Amino acid sequence: MMQHSLSIQERFRPEVVERILRVGVRHRGFELCALNMTPRAEAENINIHLTVASKRSMDLLPAQLSKLMDVACVEIQQLTTQ
């Protein structure tokens, strides 16, 4: 199983975090391994760092997350084999 680390910048709204977990993780077949949220200098924005695991390809996940309203940026940080 591959572990993928993602960095997501978004406008802070509770429903956006829920949408990321539902659309980006559960519906795409990824298992959530870690989640860390930190505020950005602008009070209404946050950084989310996700670590997910899956046997599936990571190709579509960043593109799908980028389509969500209030998500500004999605970057793959690293790939590791578990």
PDB file of N, CA and C in Angstrom:
ATOM      1  N   MET A   1       0.848  -1.171   0.000  1.00  0.00           N
ATOM      2  CA  MET A   1       0.000   0.000   0.000  1.00  0.00           C
ATOM      3  C   MET A   1       0.897   1.239   0.000  1.00  0.00           C
ATOM      4  N   MET A   2       0.530   2.219  -0.813  1.00  0.00           N
ATOM      5  CA  MET A   2       1.303   3.461  -0.898  1.00  0.00           C
ATOM      6  C   MET A   2       0.714   4.516   0.028  1.00  0.00           C
ATOM      7  N   GLN A   3       1.594   5.280   0.672  1.00  0.00           N
ATOM      8  CA  GLN A   3       1.160   6.427   1.469  1.00  0.00           C
ATOM      9  C   GLN A   3       1.450   7.696   0.682  1.00  0.00           C
ATOM     10  N   HIS A   4       0.495   8.595   0.692  1.00  0.00           N
ATOM     11  CA  HIS A   4       0.609   9.854  -0.026  1.00  0.00           C
ATOM     12  C   HIS A   4       0.379  10.985   0.961  1.00  0.00           C
ATOM     13  N   SER A   5       1.222  11.993   0.913  1.00  0.00           N
ATOM     14  CA  SER A   5       1.077  13.150   1.785  1.00  0.00           C
ATOM     15  C   SER A   5       0.662  14.344   0.931  1.00  0.00           C
ATOM     16  N   LEU A   6      -0.420  14.994   1.334  1.00  0.00           N
ATOM     17  CA  LEU A   6      -0.967  16.124   0.588  1.00  0.00           C
ATOM     18  C   LEU A   6      -0.958  17.382   1.438  1.00  0.00           C
ATOM     19  N   SER A   7      -0.709  18.505   0.806  1.00  0.00           N
ATOM     20  CA  SER A   7      -0.821  19.803   1.456  1.00  0.00           C
ATOM     21  C   SER A   7      -1.942  20.552   0.754  1.00  0.00           C
ATOM     22  N   ILE A   8      -2.916  21.022   1.529  1.00  0.00           N
ATOM     23  CA  ILE A   8      -4.092  21.691   0.976  1.00  0.00           C
ATOM     24  C   ILE A   8      -4.236  23.058   1.633  1.00  0.00           C
ATOM     25  N   GLN A   9      -4.381  24.084   0.831  1.00  0.00           N
ATOM     26  CA  GLN A   9      -4.653  25.429   1.345  1.00  0.00           C
ATOM     27  C   GLN A   9      -6.108  25.739   1.032  1.00  0.00           C
ATOM     28  N   GLU A  10      -6.834  26.210   2.043  1.00  0.00           N
ATOM     29  CA  GLU A  10      -8.253  26.466   1.844  1.00  0.00           C
ATOM     30  C   GLU A  10      -8.737  27.585   2.740  1.00  0.00           C
ATOM     31  N   ARG A  11      -9.896  28.098   2.387  1.00  0.00           N
ATOM     32  CA  ARG A  11     -10.575  29.047   3.260  1.00  0.00           C
ATOM     33  C   ARG A  11     -11.236  28.241   4.358  1.00  0.00           C
ATOM     34  N   PHE A  12     -11.067  28.662   5.608  1.00  0.00           N
ATOM     35  CA  PHE A  12     -11.578  27.866   6.721  1.00  0.00           C
ATOM     36  C   PHE A  12     -13.090  27.954   6.818  1.00  0.00           C
ATOM     37  N   ARG A  13     -13.692  26.820   6.582  1.00  0.00           N
ATOM     38  CA  ARG A  13     -15.119  26.621   6.777  1.00  0.00           C
ATOM     39  C   ARG A  13     -15.262  25.151   7.155  1.00  0.00           C
ATOM     40  N   PRO A  14     -15.986  24.836   8.225  1.00  0.00           N
ATOM     41  CA  PRO A  14     -16.110  23.443   8.666  1.00  0.00           C
ATOM     42  C   PRO A  14     -16.605  22.501   7.572  1.00  0.00           C
ATOM     43  N   GLU A  15     -17.509  22.963   6.728  1.00  0.00           N
ATOM     44  CA  GLU A  15     -18.043  22.084   5.687  1.00  0.00           C
ATOM     45  C   GLU A  15     -17.004  21.741   4.626  1.00  0.00           C
ATOM     46  N   VAL A  16     -15.990  22.580   4.440  1.00  0.00           N
ATOM     47  CA  VAL A  16     -14.951  22.285   3.457  1.00  0.00           C
ATOM     48  C   VAL A  16     -14.090  21.123   3.943  1.00  0.00           C
ATOM     49  N   VAL A  17     -13.753  21.112   5.212  1.00  0.00           N
ATOM     50  CA  VAL A  17     -12.972  20.008   5.779  1.00  0.00           C
ATOM     51  C   VAL A  17     -13.756  18.703   5.632  1.00  0.00           C
ATOM     52  N   GLU A  18     -15.035  18.750   5.930  1.00  0.00           N
ATOM     53  CA  GLU A  18     -15.889  17.561   5.782  1.00  0.00           C
ATOM     54  C   GLU A  18     -15.932  17.101   4.323  1.00  0.00           C
ATOM     55  N   ARG A  19     -16.064  18.036   3.388  1.00  0.00           N
ATOM     56  CA  ARG A  19     -16.106  17.696   1.965  1.00  0.00           C
ATOM     57  C   ARG A  19     -14.797  17.064   1.502  1.00  0.00           C
ATOM     58  N   ILE A  20     -13.674  17.577   1.983  1.00  0.00           N
ATOM     59  CA  ILE A  20     -12.373  17.006   1.616  1.00  0.00           C
ATOM     60  C   ILE A  20     -12.293  15.554   2.064  1.00  0.00           C
ATOM     61  N   LEU A  21     -12.717  15.291   3.291  1.00  0.00           N
ATOM     62  CA  LEU A  21     -12.658  13.923   3.803  1.00  0.00           C
ATOM     63  C   LEU A  21     -13.633  13.000   3.080  1.00  0.00           C
ATOM     64  N   ARG A  22     -14.811  13.505   2.748  1.00  0.00           N
ATOM     65  CA  ARG A  22     -15.815  12.680   2.074  1.00  0.00           C
ATOM     66  C   ARG A  22     -15.444  12.441   0.610  1.00  0.00           C
ATOM     67  N   VAL A  23     -15.257  13.506  -0.137  1.00  0.00           N
ATOM     68  CA  VAL A  23     -14.995  13.397  -1.573  1.00  0.00           C
ATOM     69  C   VAL A  23     -13.584  12.895  -1.842  1.00  0.00           C
ATOM     70  N   GLY A  24     -12.622  13.473  -1.153  1.00  0.00           N
ATOM     71  CA  GLY A  24     -11.229  13.164  -1.440  1.00  0.00           C
ATOM     72  C   GLY A  24     -10.725  11.868  -0.861  1.00  0.00           C
ATOM     73  N   VAL A  25     -11.260  11.471   0.255  1.00  0.00           N
ATOM     74  CA  VAL A  25     -10.726  10.281   0.918  1.00  0.00           C
ATOM     75  C   VAL A  25     -11.690   9.101   0.786  1.00  0.00           C
ATOM     76  N   ARG A  26     -12.850   9.206   1.364  1.00  0.00           N
ATOM     77  CA  ARG A  26     -13.772   8.067   1.414  1.00  0.00           C
ATOM     78  C   ARG A  26     -14.274   7.655   0.035  1.00  0.00           C
ATOM     79  N   HIS A  27     -14.752   8.588  -0.772  1.00  0.00           N
ATOM     80  CA  HIS A  27     -15.314   8.247  -2.084  1.00  0.00           C
ATOM     81  C   HIS A  27     -14.261   7.767  -3.070  1.00  0.00           C
ATOM     82  N   ARG A  28     -13.025   8.102  -2.868  1.00  0.00           N
ATOM     83  CA  ARG A  28     -11.952   7.691  -3.776  1.00  0.00           C
ATOM     84  C   ARG A  28     -11.222   6.440  -3.285  1.00  0.00           C
ATOM     85  N   GLY A  29     -11.617   5.898  -2.141  1.00  0.00           N
ATOM     86  CA  GLY A  29     -11.031   4.652  -1.659  1.00  0.00           C
ATOM     87  C   GLY A  29      -9.702   4.807  -0.946  1.00  0.00           C
ATOM     88  N   PHE A  30      -9.432   5.986  -0.401  1.00  0.00           N
ATOM     89  CA  PHE A  30      -8.199   6.205   0.348  1.00  0.00           C
ATOM     90  C   PHE A  30      -8.476   6.063   1.837  1.00  0.00           C
ATOM     91  N   GLU A  31      -7.505   5.567   2.567  1.00  0.00           N
ATOM     92  CA  GLU A  31      -7.603   5.422   4.021  1.00  0.00           C
ATOM     93  C   GLU A  31      -6.856   6.591   4.668  1.00  0.00           C
ATOM     94  N   LEU A  32      -7.522   7.295   5.571  1.00  0.00           N
ATOM     95  CA  LEU A  32      -6.902   8.431   6.252  1.00  0.00           C
ATOM     96  C   LEU A  32      -5.922   7.924   7.307  1.00  0.00           C
ATOM     97  N   CYS A  33      -4.663   8.337   7.213  1.00  0.00           N
ATOM     98  CA  CYS A  33      -3.630   7.944   8.177  1.00  0.00           C
ATOM     99  C   CYS A  33      -3.325   9.070   9.162  1.00  0.00           C
ATOM    100  N   ALA A  34      -3.363  10.318   8.687  1.00  0.00           N
ATOM    101  CA  ALA A  34      -3.066  11.466   9.554  1.00  0.00           C
ATOM    102  C   ALA A  34      -3.723  12.716   8.981  1.00  0.00           C
ATOM    103  N   LEU A  35      -4.072  13.628   9.889  1.00  0.00           N
ATOM    104  CA  LEU A  35      -4.678  14.904   9.508  1.00  0.00           C
ATOM    105  C   LEU A  35      -4.160  15.971  10.455  1.00  0.00           C
ATOM    106  N   ASN A  36      -3.646  17.071   9.889  1.00  0.00           N
ATOM    107  CA  ASN A  36      -3.158  18.182  10.700  1.00  0.00           C
ATOM    108  C   ASN A  36      -3.634  19.482  10.066  1.00  0.00           C
ATOM    109  N   MET A  37      -4.272  20.336  10.868  1.00  0.00           N
ATOM    110  CA  MET A  37      -4.737  21.638  10.389  1.00  0.00           C
ATOM    111  C   MET A  37      -4.012  22.738  11.144  1.00  0.00           C
ATOM    112  N   THR A  38      -3.514  23.737  10.410  1.00  0.00           N
ATOM    113  CA  THR A  38      -2.862  24.888  11.038  1.00  0.00           C
ATOM    114  C   THR A  38      -3.383  26.168  10.396  1.00  0.00           C
ATOM    115  N   PRO A  39      -3.602  27.208  11.207  1.00  0.00           N
ATOM    116  CA  PRO A  39      -4.074  28.475  10.644  1.00  0.00           C
ATOM    117  C   PRO A  39      -2.961  29.162   9.859  1.00  0.00           C
ATOM    118  N   ARG A  40      -3.353  29.917   8.845  1.00  0.00           N
ATOM    119  CA  ARG A  40      -2.408  30.720   8.078  1.00  0.00           C
ATOM    120  C   ARG A  40      -2.419  32.130   8.634  1.00  0.00           C
ATOM    121  N   ALA A  41      -1.537  32.958   8.145  1.00  0.00           N
ATOM    122  CA  ALA A  41      -1.448  34.344   8.620  1.00  0.00           C
ATOM    123  C   ALA A  41      -2.776  35.075   8.446  1.00  0.00           C
ATOM    124  N   GLU A  42      -3.463  34.794   7.345  1.00  0.00           N
ATOM    125  CA  GLU A  42      -4.792  35.369   7.143  1.00  0.00           C
ATOM    126  C   GLU A  42      -5.762  34.517   7.955  1.00  0.00           C
ATOM    127  N   ALA A  43      -6.465  35.103   8.866  1.00  0.00           N
ATOM    128  CA  ALA A  43      -7.293  34.368   9.837  1.00  0.00           C
ATOM    129  C   ALA A  43      -8.320  33.448   9.200  1.00  0.00           C
ATOM    130  N   GLU A  44      -8.807  33.779   8.015  1.00  0.00           N
ATOM    131  CA  GLU A  44      -9.862  32.951   7.432  1.00  0.00           C
ATOM    132  C   GLU A  44      -9.335  31.779   6.603  1.00  0.00           C
ATOM    133  N   ASN A  45      -8.025  31.610   6.517  1.00  0.00           N
ATOM    134  CA  ASN A  45      -7.432  30.532   5.730  1.00  0.00           C
ATOM    135  C   ASN A  45      -6.677  29.543   6.614  1.00  0.00           C
ATOM    136  N   ILE A  46      -6.630  28.285   6.166  1.00  0.00           N
ATOM    137  CA  ILE A  46      -5.899  27.249   6.898  1.00  0.00           C
ATOM    138  C   ILE A  46      -5.106  26.379   5.927  1.00  0.00           C
ATOM    139  N   ASN A  47      -4.114  25.703   6.463  1.00  0.00           N
ATOM    140  CA  ASN A  47      -3.378  24.661   5.752  1.00  0.00           C
ATOM    141  C   ASN A  47      -3.794  23.328   6.346  1.00  0.00           C
ATOM    142  N   ILE A  48      -4.065  22.371   5.496  1.00  0.00           N
ATOM    143  CA  ILE A  48      -4.378  21.015   5.941  1.00  0.00           C
ATOM    144  C   ILE A  48      -3.323  20.094   5.355  1.00  0.00           C
ATOM    145  N   HIS A  49      -2.747  19.258   6.196  1.00  0.00           N
ATOM    146  CA  HIS A  49      -1.804  18.240   5.743  1.00  0.00           C
ATOM    147  C   HIS A  49      -2.453  16.889   5.996  1.00  0.00           C
ATOM    148  N   LEU A  50      -2.672  16.142   4.922  1.00  0.00           N
ATOM    149  CA  LEU A  50      -3.292  14.824   4.994  1.00  0.00           C
ATOM    150  C   LEU A  50      -2.273  13.769   4.613  1.00  0.00           C
ATOM    151  N   THR A  51      -2.305  12.654   5.297  1.00  0.00           N
ATOM    152  CA  THR A  51      -1.575  11.478   4.859  1.00  0.00           C
ATOM    153  C   THR A  51      -2.614  10.400   4.640  1.00  0.00           C
ATOM    154  N   VAL A  52      -2.640   9.862   3.424  1.00  0.00           N
ATOM    155  CA  VAL A  52      -3.606   8.831   3.065  1.00  0.00           C
ATOM    156  C   VAL A  52      -2.859   7.626   2.518  1.00  0.00           C
ATOM    157  N   ALA A  53      -3.505   6.463   2.593  1.00  0.00           N
ATOM    158  CA  ALA A  53      -2.910   5.235   2.070  1.00  0.00           C
ATOM    159  C   ALA A  53      -3.906   4.561   1.139  1.00  0.00           C
ATOM    160  N   SER A  54      -3.375   3.950   0.081  1.00  0.00           N
ATOM    161  CA  SER A  54      -4.227   3.232  -0.851  1.00  0.00           C
ATOM    162  C   SER A  54      -3.376   2.447  -1.834  1.00  0.00           C
ATOM    163  N   LYS A  55      -3.981   1.434  -2.416  1.00  0.00           N
ATOM    164  CA  LYS A  55      -3.352   0.714  -3.518  1.00  0.00           C
ATOM    165  C   LYS A  55      -3.684   1.405  -4.839  1.00  0.00           C
ATOM    166  N   ARG A  56      -4.625   2.338  -4.795  1.00  0.00           N
ATOM    167  CA  ARG A  56      -5.077   3.048  -5.989  1.00  0.00           C
ATOM    168  C   ARG A  56      -4.090   4.146  -6.379  1.00  0.00           C
ATOM    169  N   SER A  57      -4.185   4.558  -7.629  1.00  0.00           N
ATOM    170  CA  SER A  57      -3.346   5.640  -8.146  1.00  0.00           C
ATOM    171  C   SER A  57      -3.747   6.978  -7.533  1.00  0.00           C
ATOM    172  N   MET A  58      -2.770   7.828  -7.361  1.00  0.00           N
ATOM    173  CA  MET A  58      -2.981   9.146  -6.774  1.00  0.00           C
ATOM    174  C   MET A  58      -3.324  10.189  -7.841  1.00  0.00           C
ATOM    175  N   ASP A  59      -3.330   9.807  -9.096  1.00  0.00           N
ATOM    176  CA  ASP A  59      -3.450  10.750 -10.209  1.00  0.00           C
ATOM    177  C   ASP A  59      -4.629  11.710 -10.113  1.00  0.00           C
ATOM    178  N   LEU A  60      -5.817  11.217  -9.812  1.00  0.00           N
ATOM    179  CA  LEU A  60      -7.011  12.057  -9.857  1.00  0.00           C
ATOM    180  C   LEU A  60      -7.321  12.794  -8.565  1.00  0.00           C
ATOM    181  N   LEU A  61      -6.785  12.336  -7.440  1.00  0.00           N
ATOM    182  CA  LEU A  61      -7.164  12.924  -6.152  1.00  0.00           C
ATOM    183  C   LEU A  61      -6.861  14.425  -6.056  1.00  0.00           C
ATOM    184  N   PRO A  62      -5.660  14.900  -6.380  1.00  0.00           N
ATOM    185  CA  PRO A  62      -5.414  16.349  -6.289  1.00  0.00           C
ATOM    186  C   PRO A  62      -6.350  17.160  -7.192  1.00  0.00           C
ATOM    187  N   ALA A  63      -6.629  16.663  -8.379  1.00  0.00           N
ATOM    188  CA  ALA A  63      -7.527  17.376  -9.296  1.00  0.00           C
ATOM    189  C   ALA A  63      -8.944  17.442  -8.738  1.00  0.00           C
ATOM    190  N   GLN A  64      -9.414  16.345  -8.151  1.00  0.00           N
ATOM    191  CA  GLN A  64     -10.758  16.333  -7.566  1.00  0.00           C
ATOM    192  C   GLN A  64     -10.850  17.282  -6.380  1.00  0.00           C
ATOM    193  N   LEU A  65      -9.832  17.294  -5.530  1.00  0.00           N
ATOM    194  CA  LEU A  65      -9.841  18.194  -4.373  1.00  0.00           C
ATOM    195  C   LEU A  65      -9.780  19.655  -4.805  1.00  0.00           C
ATOM    196  N   SER A  66      -9.042  19.949  -5.857  1.00  0.00           N
ATOM    197  CA  SER A  66      -8.921  21.325  -6.346  1.00  0.00           C
ATOM    198  C   SER A  66     -10.249  21.876  -6.847  1.00  0.00           C
ATOM    199  N   LYS A  67     -11.151  20.998  -7.267  1.00  0.00           N
ATOM    200  CA  LYS A  67     -12.459  21.425  -7.772  1.00  0.00           C
ATOM    201  C   LYS A  67     -13.409  21.864  -6.662  1.00  0.00           C
ATOM    202  N   LEU A  68     -13.097  21.503  -5.416  1.00  0.00           N
ATOM    203  CA  LEU A  68     -13.988  21.859  -4.312  1.00  0.00           C
ATOM    204  C   LEU A  68     -13.960  23.363  -4.058  1.00  0.00           C
ATOM    205  N   MET A  69     -15.133  23.911  -3.788  1.00  0.00           N
ATOM    206  CA  MET A  69     -15.231  25.337  -3.484  1.00  0.00           C
ATOM    207  C   MET A  69     -14.410  25.641  -2.230  1.00  0.00           C
ATOM    208  N   ASP A  70     -13.739  26.741  -2.192  1.00  0.00           N
ATOM    209  CA  ASP A  70     -12.926  27.236  -1.079  1.00  0.00           C
ATOM    210  C   ASP A  70     -11.561  26.569  -0.969  1.00  0.00           C
ATOM    211  N   VAL A  71     -11.235  25.599  -1.834  1.00  0.00           N
ATOM    212  CA  VAL A  71      -9.896  25.005  -1.848  1.00  0.00           C
ATOM    213  C   VAL A  71      -9.050  25.828  -2.815  1.00  0.00           C
ATOM    214  N   ALA A  72      -7.954  26.384  -2.313  1.00  0.00           N
ATOM    215  CA  ALA A  72      -7.106  27.257  -3.127  1.00  0.00           C
ATOM    216  C   ALA A  72      -5.984  26.499  -3.829  1.00  0.00           C
ATOM    217  N   CYS A  73      -5.408  25.493  -3.154  1.00  0.00           N
ATOM    218  CA  CYS A  73      -4.226  24.820  -3.694  1.00  0.00           C
ATOM    219  C   CYS A  73      -4.108  23.416  -3.104  1.00  0.00           C
ATOM    220  N   VAL A  74      -3.719  22.451  -3.941  1.00  0.00           N
ATOM    221  CA  VAL A  74      -3.468  21.079  -3.486  1.00  0.00           C
ATOM    222  C   VAL A  74      -2.128  20.648  -4.063  1.00  0.00           C
ATOM    223  N   GLU A  75      -1.226  20.171  -3.205  1.00  0.00           N
ATOM    224  CA  GLU A  75       0.089  19.707  -3.646  1.00  0.00           C
ATOM    225  C   GLU A  75       0.391  18.351  -3.033  1.00  0.00           C
ATOM    226  N   ILE A  76       0.986  17.462  -3.821  1.00  0.00           N
ATOM    227  CA  ILE A  76       1.469  16.186  -3.299  1.00  0.00           C
ATOM    228  C   ILE A  76       2.846  16.452  -2.710  1.00  0.00           C
ATOM    229  N   GLN A  77       3.033  16.109  -1.446  1.00  0.00           N
ATOM    230  CA  GLN A  77       4.297  16.378  -0.763  1.00  0.00           C
ATOM    231  C   GLN A  77       5.303  15.244  -0.914  1.00  0.00           C
ATOM    232  N   GLN A  78       4.834  13.997  -0.796  1.00  0.00           N
ATOM    233  CA  GLN A  78       5.762  12.875  -0.869  1.00  0.00           C
ATOM    234  C   GLN A  78       5.000  11.590  -1.130  1.00  0.00           C
ATOM    235  N   LEU A  79       5.715  10.582  -1.604  1.00  0.00           N
ATOM    236  CA  LEU A  79       5.157   9.250  -1.806  1.00  0.00           C
ATOM    237  C   LEU A  79       6.050   8.258  -1.085  1.00  0.00           C
ATOM    238  N   THR A  80       5.454   7.364  -0.321  1.00  0.00           N
ATOM    239  CA  THR A  80       6.228   6.329   0.365  1.00  0.00           C
ATOM    240  C   THR A  80       5.494   5.007   0.252  1.00  0.00           C
ATOM    241  N   THR A  81       6.239   3.915   0.307  1.00  0.00           N
ATOM    242  CA  THR A  81       5.643   2.587   0.277  1.00  0.00           C
ATOM    243  C   THR A  81       5.518   2.076   1.690  1.00  0.00           C
ATOM    244  N   GLN A  82       4.378   1.474   1.991  1.00  0.00           N
ATOM    245  CA  GLN A  82       4.142   0.949   3.338  1.00  0.00           C
ATOM    246  C   GLN A  82       4.162  -0.551   3.291  1.00  0.00           C
TER     247      GLN A  82
END
